[in-house]
Structure formats: C-alpha cells, structure tokens
Protein backbone atom coordinates (compact mmCIF):
# COMPACT_ATOMS: atom_id res chain seq x y z
CA MET A 1 -4.48 11.01 16.17
CA THR A 2 -0.93 10.32 15.37
CA GLN A 3 2.40 12.06 14.91
CA ARG A 4 3.28 13.58 11.71
CA PRO A 5 6.80 13.29 10.36
CA SER A 6 8.88 15.71 12.41
CA ARG A 7 12.46 14.92 13.73
CA ALA A 8 14.53 11.71 13.03
CA SER A 9 16.47 10.19 16.29
CA GLY A 10 19.86 8.35 15.42
CA ALA A 11 21.28 8.56 12.38
CA ASP A 12 19.35 10.72 9.72
CA ASN A 13 19.39 10.53 6.00
CA ASP A 14 23.23 9.64 5.98
CA PRO A 15 24.71 11.06 2.34
CA GLY A 16 27.53 8.08 2.97
CA LEU A 17 25.03 4.72 2.77
CA GLY A 18 25.08 4.75 -0.81
CA PRO A 19 28.82 4.75 -0.93
CA ARG A 20 29.05 2.47 1.96
CA LEU A 21 26.71 -0.24 0.40
CA ARG A 22 28.74 -0.54 -2.72
CA ALA A 23 32.16 -0.78 -1.48
CA ARG A 24 30.98 -3.44 0.69
CA ARG A 25 29.18 -5.36 -2.74
CA THR A 26 32.22 -4.51 -4.50
CA ALA A 27 34.24 -5.52 -1.33
CA LEU A 28 32.61 -9.19 -1.15
CA GLY A 29 32.98 -9.26 -4.83
CA LEU A 30 29.22 -9.15 -5.87
CA THR A 31 27.32 -7.66 -8.61
CA MET A 32 24.35 -5.41 -8.40
CA GLN A 33 21.77 -8.19 -9.58
CA GLN A 34 23.00 -10.34 -7.23
CA VAL A 35 22.24 -8.63 -3.92
CA ALA A 36 19.12 -7.37 -5.89
CA ASP A 37 17.75 -10.83 -6.38
CA ARG A 38 19.02 -12.34 -2.78
CA ALA A 39 17.72 -8.78 -1.01
CA GLY A 40 14.08 -9.26 -3.01
CA LEU A 41 14.50 -6.10 -4.41
CA THR A 42 15.43 -4.60 -8.38
CA ILE A 43 18.57 -3.94 -9.72
CA GLY A 44 17.94 -0.69 -10.27
CA PHE A 45 16.63 -0.07 -6.65
CA ILE A 46 20.25 -0.93 -5.41
CA SER A 47 21.71 0.99 -8.04
CA GLN A 48 19.78 4.24 -6.95
CA SER A 49 20.63 3.45 -3.58
CA GLU A 50 24.17 3.30 -3.88
CA ARG A 51 23.97 6.64 -6.22
CA GLY A 52 22.06 8.31 -3.04
CA LEU A 53 18.86 8.59 -5.07
CA ALA A 54 16.65 6.01 -3.33
CA SER A 55 16.21 6.18 -0.07
CA PRO A 56 15.52 2.55 1.27
CA SER A 57 12.80 1.61 3.85
CA LEU A 58 13.42 -0.60 7.23
CA GLY A 59 13.00 -3.93 5.35
CA SER A 60 15.17 -3.30 2.51
CA LEU A 61 18.10 -1.74 4.13
CA THR A 62 17.64 -4.39 6.88
CA ASN A 63 17.65 -7.12 3.47
CA VAL A 64 20.54 -5.46 1.74
CA ALA A 65 22.81 -5.89 4.80
CA ARG A 66 22.13 -9.42 5.32
CA VAL A 67 23.23 -9.73 2.20
CA LEU A 68 26.33 -7.44 2.35
CA ASP A 69 26.80 -9.23 5.95
CA MET A 70 26.29 -6.19 7.72
CA ASP A 71 24.89 -5.53 11.00
CA PRO A 72 21.72 -2.83 9.45
CA ALA A 73 22.52 -0.75 13.29
CA THR A 74 26.10 0.29 11.51
CA LEU A 75 23.80 1.66 8.36
CA PHE A 76 21.12 3.04 10.78
CA THR A 77 21.01 3.94 14.35
CA GLN A 78 17.23 3.56 15.93
CA PRO A 79 16.17 4.32 19.25
CA PRO A 80 16.01 0.77 21.34
CA SER A 81 13.17 -0.35 22.45
CA GLN A 82 11.42 1.70 25.64
CA GLY A 83 10.06 -1.64 27.31
CA GLU A 84 6.53 -2.57 27.49
CA VAL A 85 4.65 0.36 27.31
CA THR A 86 4.92 3.51 24.99
CA THR A 87 3.20 6.77 25.65
CA ALA A 88 2.35 9.07 22.37
CA GLY A 89 4.68 12.04 22.44
CA THR A 90 7.40 11.02 23.96
CA ARG A 91 8.35 8.30 21.77
CA PRO A 92 11.62 9.17 18.89
CA VAL A 93 10.30 9.94 15.92
CA TYR A 94 13.45 8.84 12.83
CA GLY A 95 13.72 7.72 9.77
CA ILE A 96 16.20 7.38 6.98
CA ASP A 97 14.31 10.37 5.30
CA PRO A 98 11.99 11.37 7.82
CA SER A 99 10.79 14.09 5.12
CA ASN A 100 9.54 11.22 3.31
CA MET A 101 8.62 8.55 6.22
CA SER A 102 9.30 8.50 9.76
CA TYR A 103 8.81 5.76 12.12
CA GLU A 104 7.73 5.19 15.79
CA ARG A 105 8.82 2.02 17.53
CA ILE A 106 6.07 0.81 19.30
CA SER A 107 7.46 -2.70 20.18
CA ALA A 108 9.01 -4.57 22.95
CA ALA A 109 12.08 -6.63 22.80
CA PHE A 110 12.50 -9.59 25.17
CA PRO A 111 13.66 -12.98 24.68
CA GLY A 112 11.52 -14.81 22.32
CA HIS A 113 9.53 -12.22 20.93
CA THR A 114 8.93 -12.22 16.87
CA LEU A 115 6.48 -9.20 16.88
CA ARG A 116 8.07 -5.66 15.69
CA ALA A 117 5.70 -2.85 15.25
CA VAL A 118 6.00 0.60 14.10
CA LEU A 119 3.52 3.76 13.65
CA ILE A 120 4.83 4.99 9.63
CA HIS A 121 4.05 8.27 8.71
CA GLU A 122 4.44 8.88 4.71
CA ALA A 123 4.21 11.89 3.17
CA PRO A 124 1.91 12.78 0.13
CA GLY A 125 3.21 10.56 -2.66
CA HIS A 126 5.74 8.51 -0.74
CA ARG A 127 6.44 4.95 -2.46
CA SER A 128 7.65 2.27 -1.36
CA GLU A 129 10.01 -0.65 -3.39
CA PRO A 130 8.86 -3.47 -4.42
CA ILE A 131 10.51 -6.11 -1.84
CA ARG A 132 9.55 -9.52 -0.65
CA HIS A 133 11.30 -11.33 2.54
CA GLU A 134 10.68 -13.27 4.72
CA GLY A 135 7.68 -13.48 7.08
CA GLU A 136 4.72 -11.62 7.28
CA GLU A 137 3.08 -7.93 7.85
CA LEU A 138 -0.01 -6.16 8.70
CA PHE A 139 -1.01 -2.52 7.73
CA TYR A 140 -3.27 -0.93 9.65
CA ILE A 141 -4.41 2.52 8.55
CA LEU A 142 -4.72 4.92 11.03
CA GLN A 143 -5.23 7.98 8.87
CA GLY A 144 -5.49 9.06 5.37
CA ALA A 145 -5.26 6.36 2.93
CA LEU A 146 -2.29 3.94 1.58
CA THR A 147 -2.39 1.91 -1.40
CA VAL A 148 -0.80 -1.69 -0.99
CA GLU A 149 0.08 -3.64 -4.26
CA ILE A 150 0.70 -7.57 -3.75
CA GLU A 151 2.48 -9.49 -6.69
CA GLY A 152 -0.04 -6.83 -9.48
CA GLN A 153 -3.12 -7.27 -7.16
CA ARG A 154 -3.73 -3.07 -5.83
CA HIS A 155 -5.44 -2.78 -2.85
CA VAL A 156 -7.16 1.21 -1.83
CA LEU A 157 -6.67 1.28 2.03
CA ALA A 158 -8.50 4.01 4.23
CA ALA A 159 -8.61 5.15 7.86
CA GLY A 160 -9.60 1.72 9.61
CA ASP A 161 -8.46 -0.47 6.86
CA SER A 162 -6.49 -3.42 7.04
CA ILE A 163 -4.36 -5.97 5.10
CA HIS A 164 -2.21 -9.16 6.67
CA PHE A 165 -0.29 -10.82 3.85
CA ALA A 166 2.73 -13.42 3.47
CA SER A 167 6.70 -11.10 2.81
CA THR A 168 7.27 -13.96 1.00
CA ARG A 169 4.93 -12.41 -2.13
CA VAL A 170 6.08 -9.05 -4.10
CA HIS A 171 4.76 -6.12 -2.65
CA SER A 172 5.06 -2.41 -1.96
CA SER A 173 3.01 0.42 -0.91
CA TRP A 174 2.01 4.33 -1.80
CA ASN A 175 0.12 7.10 -0.52
CA HIS A 176 -1.57 8.05 -3.23
CA THR A 177 -2.88 11.12 -1.58
CA ASP A 178 -2.34 14.15 -0.95
CA THR A 179 -1.92 14.81 2.84
CA HIS A 180 -0.09 12.44 4.87
CA THR A 181 -0.64 8.89 6.13
CA SER A 182 0.04 7.20 9.07
CA ILE A 183 0.00 3.55 9.35
CA LEU A 184 0.24 0.62 12.35
CA HIS A 185 2.98 -1.72 10.73
CA VAL A 186 3.41 -5.23 12.43
CA CYS A 187 6.02 -7.71 11.08
CA THR A 188 8.17 -10.51 12.08
CA MET A 189 10.99 -9.51 10.20
CA ASP A 190 13.95 -8.51 12.86
CA VAL A 191 14.08 -4.77 11.25
CA PHE A 192 15.22 -4.11 14.74
CA GLY A 193 18.17 -6.15 14.75
CA ASP A 194 16.96 -7.28 17.72
CA GLY A 195 17.44 -11.30 17.32
CA THR A 196 19.42 -12.70 15.01
CA ARG A 197 22.77 -11.56 13.58
CA PRO A 198 23.04 -10.25 9.98
CA ARG A 199 24.39 -13.43 8.37
CA HIS A 200 25.08 -14.00 4.37
CA SER A 201 22.18 -15.99 3.04
CA ASP A 202 19.86 -16.19 0.06
CA ASP A 203 16.63 -16.31 2.05
CA THR A 204 13.59 -16.64 0.19
CA THR A 205 14.78 -16.08 -3.23
CA GLY A 206 17.88 -18.80 -4.01
CA HIS A 207 20.74 -18.47 -6.15
CA HIS A 208 20.67 -16.47 -9.26
CA GLU A 209 23.10 -15.98 -12.34
CA ASP A 210 25.27 -13.28 -12.19
CA ARG A 211 23.37 -10.47 -15.24
CA THR A 212 25.50 -7.90 -14.38
CA GLU A 213 27.69 -5.17 -12.75
C-alpha cells in the first residue's frame, strides 16, 4: 500500500551532525540541560544526539535547531514541496537515518499554509524520543501498528486507527511490532522550514535553571 524505507534524499545520516550541534551549543554558552528544557526534550537525548548515538526525528531536530538559532536546513536537507498533487512512487523517500525511519513529503507550501504532512515508514522496534512542542498533530495508521504514549497514557493503534492531540503534551511513539509500520502524520509545526525563520525561543517550556553541562 505504501513504500517501505528504502533510500535517503538530500543529506543522509550526517556523521558530523552531533559534533555540529555540540559546537553550536558551546559557542552559545548553553548547557545540555538548557537545550533540552527549551526544546522540550530530555538531557539524555541531547547527550546521545551530540555523541551520534541517537537519530533525531524531524520534530526534535527542528526544536533543537530553533534553540540553537540555526536553520534546520543546514543540518538536514529535505525535498521541497512537489506542489498540490503528489504521486505514489515518485516522491523522494528520505530520512536522517532511513534504515530506522524514513519520510515522504505529501503537503504543499503556499502563503498562509499551516498543515505539514508526511508519510512515515518505521522499522520494527523503532522508538521516537519523548518531546513536547507547539501546535497539534495527528497520526493515522496506514499499515502495521504503533504505540503512542501521551503524558504516560499508552494507545496501541492498528491500521485504520488514528489519534489527534495537542503537541504541547509530552508524547512519544514506537513500532512495537516485528514488521514495518506506515503512518500518515499531519502537524502544524514547521518541520520543513517553509514558514518562519528559526529563533532562540523557550517556546512551550519557558526558562529553566542551569543544572548540568
């Protein structure tokens, strides 16, 4: 029904991504805890990302880039909008680590647009990091199954099921099956960089005390 993860388009899993994030953070004089708090992520995930032990999702990479006052496009190149209509089999399939999770962009970019949509293909066992950010999002399971956890409450979704929630609530998801899962994901967060430029912002979490380097 949908394509499985196959290839990356643009920048693949950049071996220099972690060191670049760390260099930018230290240049700004920020601790990992500050970045984690402002990006709505955990300090453990920030540490793993800087050491190349974790592959961030589009949402988490966008949040981290904003905190670091970076354009996400300088860290990860995504295919541009193909227009109002996309055709199965012709869309670029890309990913930061496409062996675990890959994307197909299906939403267009035009003045005033607020929805961003991708098809996500997740490998068996793949787990996304807990995160919170602005906006809202919707998952619709096309193939396979997915567990979505929102502030401690788990929802097991099968093909044909959906979930819609405020992204300001801490959420994560994982493919608990032994087969690939394909998902229609729609959100209002500017994961493509088509709208506002990145800014140094506390967004959803506000300012926090420094606790660790």
